[in-house]
Amino acid sequence: MTVNTDILVPMTEANQNFSKVARLVDESGMAVILKNNKPRYVVVDFAEYDQIQSFQVQRWERVGAAADRLIAENLETFQELAK
């Protein structure tokens, strides 16, 4: 994953100047806060966060459907193993 270095903000600077972080989010859609010189936190616009949440819900629905399918396909085996 590549990160735009223009949106990196050290933790100390984010603590001292959060308005800079907010401005980066307004301009670029996100800001990455560094902790110990490593990307640790992402600040995103709320609309972006809402979209991320929607993708996560869809992913878990697909995982649940796949799990249900595997259980249904192998139900006899699972029941035998449960004895």
Protein backbone atom coordinates (compact mmCIF):
# COMPACT_ATOMS: atom_id res chain seq x y z
CA MET A 1 0.00 0.00 0.00
CA THR A 2 1.34 3.40 -0.91
CA VAL A 3 0.70 6.45 1.23
CA ASN A 4 0.78 10.00 -0.03
CA THR A 5 3.53 11.62 2.05
CA ASP A 6 1.72 14.97 1.85
CA ILE A 7 -0.95 13.65 4.25
CA LEU A 8 1.44 12.33 6.93
CA VAL A 9 1.35 14.13 10.27
CA PRO A 10 3.49 13.22 13.28
CA MET A 11 1.52 12.55 16.47
CA THR A 12 3.05 15.50 18.31
CA GLU A 13 2.09 17.87 15.51
CA ALA A 14 -1.44 16.41 15.36
CA ASN A 15 -1.79 17.00 19.11
CA GLN A 16 -0.52 20.57 18.87
CA ASN A 17 -2.27 21.53 15.64
CA PHE A 18 -5.36 19.44 15.01
CA SER A 19 -6.71 22.12 12.68
CA LYS A 20 -3.90 21.12 10.28
CA VAL A 21 -5.16 17.52 10.38
CA ALA A 22 -8.72 18.70 9.70
CA ARG A 23 -7.50 20.86 6.82
CA LEU A 24 -5.64 17.89 5.29
CA VAL A 25 -8.81 15.80 5.53
CA ASP A 26 -10.82 18.58 3.86
CA GLU A 27 -8.25 18.91 1.06
CA SER A 28 -7.16 15.31 0.54
CA GLY A 29 -9.95 13.22 2.01
CA MET A 30 -7.73 11.79 4.75
CA ALA A 31 -4.77 12.35 7.02
CA VAL A 32 -2.40 9.69 8.35
CA ILE A 33 -1.07 10.23 11.85
CA LEU A 34 2.33 8.75 12.60
CA LYS A 35 3.21 7.25 15.95
CA ASN A 36 6.88 6.38 16.46
CA ASN A 37 7.43 7.27 12.79
CA LYS A 38 4.99 4.59 11.60
CA PRO A 39 1.49 5.11 10.14
CA ARG A 40 -0.87 4.37 13.03
CA TYR A 41 -4.13 6.29 12.61
CA VAL A 42 -6.20 7.48 9.66
CA VAL A 43 -8.54 10.43 9.95
CA VAL A 44 -11.15 10.49 7.19
CA ASP A 45 -14.14 12.56 6.23
CA PHE A 46 -17.33 11.20 7.80
CA ALA A 47 -18.83 10.38 4.39
CA GLU A 48 -15.77 8.23 3.66
CA TYR A 49 -16.13 6.55 7.05
CA ASP A 50 -19.77 5.76 6.28
CA GLN A 51 -18.72 4.15 3.00
CA ILE A 52 -16.04 2.09 4.78
CA GLN A 53 -18.63 0.88 7.28
CA SER A 54 -20.94 -0.11 4.44
CA PHE A 55 -18.16 -2.14 2.79
CA GLN A 56 -17.43 -3.89 6.09
CA VAL A 57 -21.08 -4.85 6.53
CA GLN A 58 -21.18 -6.23 2.98
CA ARG A 59 -17.98 -8.21 3.57
CA TRP A 60 -19.33 -9.78 6.77
CA GLU A 61 -22.56 -10.67 4.98
CA ARG A 62 -20.54 -12.47 2.29
CA VAL A 63 -18.45 -14.25 4.94
CA GLY A 64 -21.61 -15.34 6.76
CA ALA A 65 -23.17 -16.60 3.54
CA ALA A 66 -20.02 -18.57 2.69
CA ALA A 67 -19.92 -20.07 6.20
CA ASP A 68 -23.59 -21.04 5.98
CA ARG A 69 -22.97 -22.66 2.59
CA LEU A 70 -19.97 -24.64 3.88
CA ILE A 71 -21.92 -25.84 6.90
CA ALA A 72 -24.87 -26.89 4.74
CA GLU A 73 -22.61 -28.71 2.28
CA ASN A 74 -20.79 -30.56 5.07
CA LEU A 75 -23.52 -30.93 7.67
CA GLU A 76 -23.35 -34.73 7.82
CA THR A 77 -19.59 -34.62 8.38
CA PHE A 78 -19.91 -32.03 11.14
CA GLN A 79 -22.64 -34.05 12.83
CA GLU A 80 -20.46 -37.16 12.67
CA LEU A 81 -17.49 -35.30 14.15
CA ALA A 82 -19.69 -33.93 16.93
CA LYS A 83 -20.51 -37.47 18.21
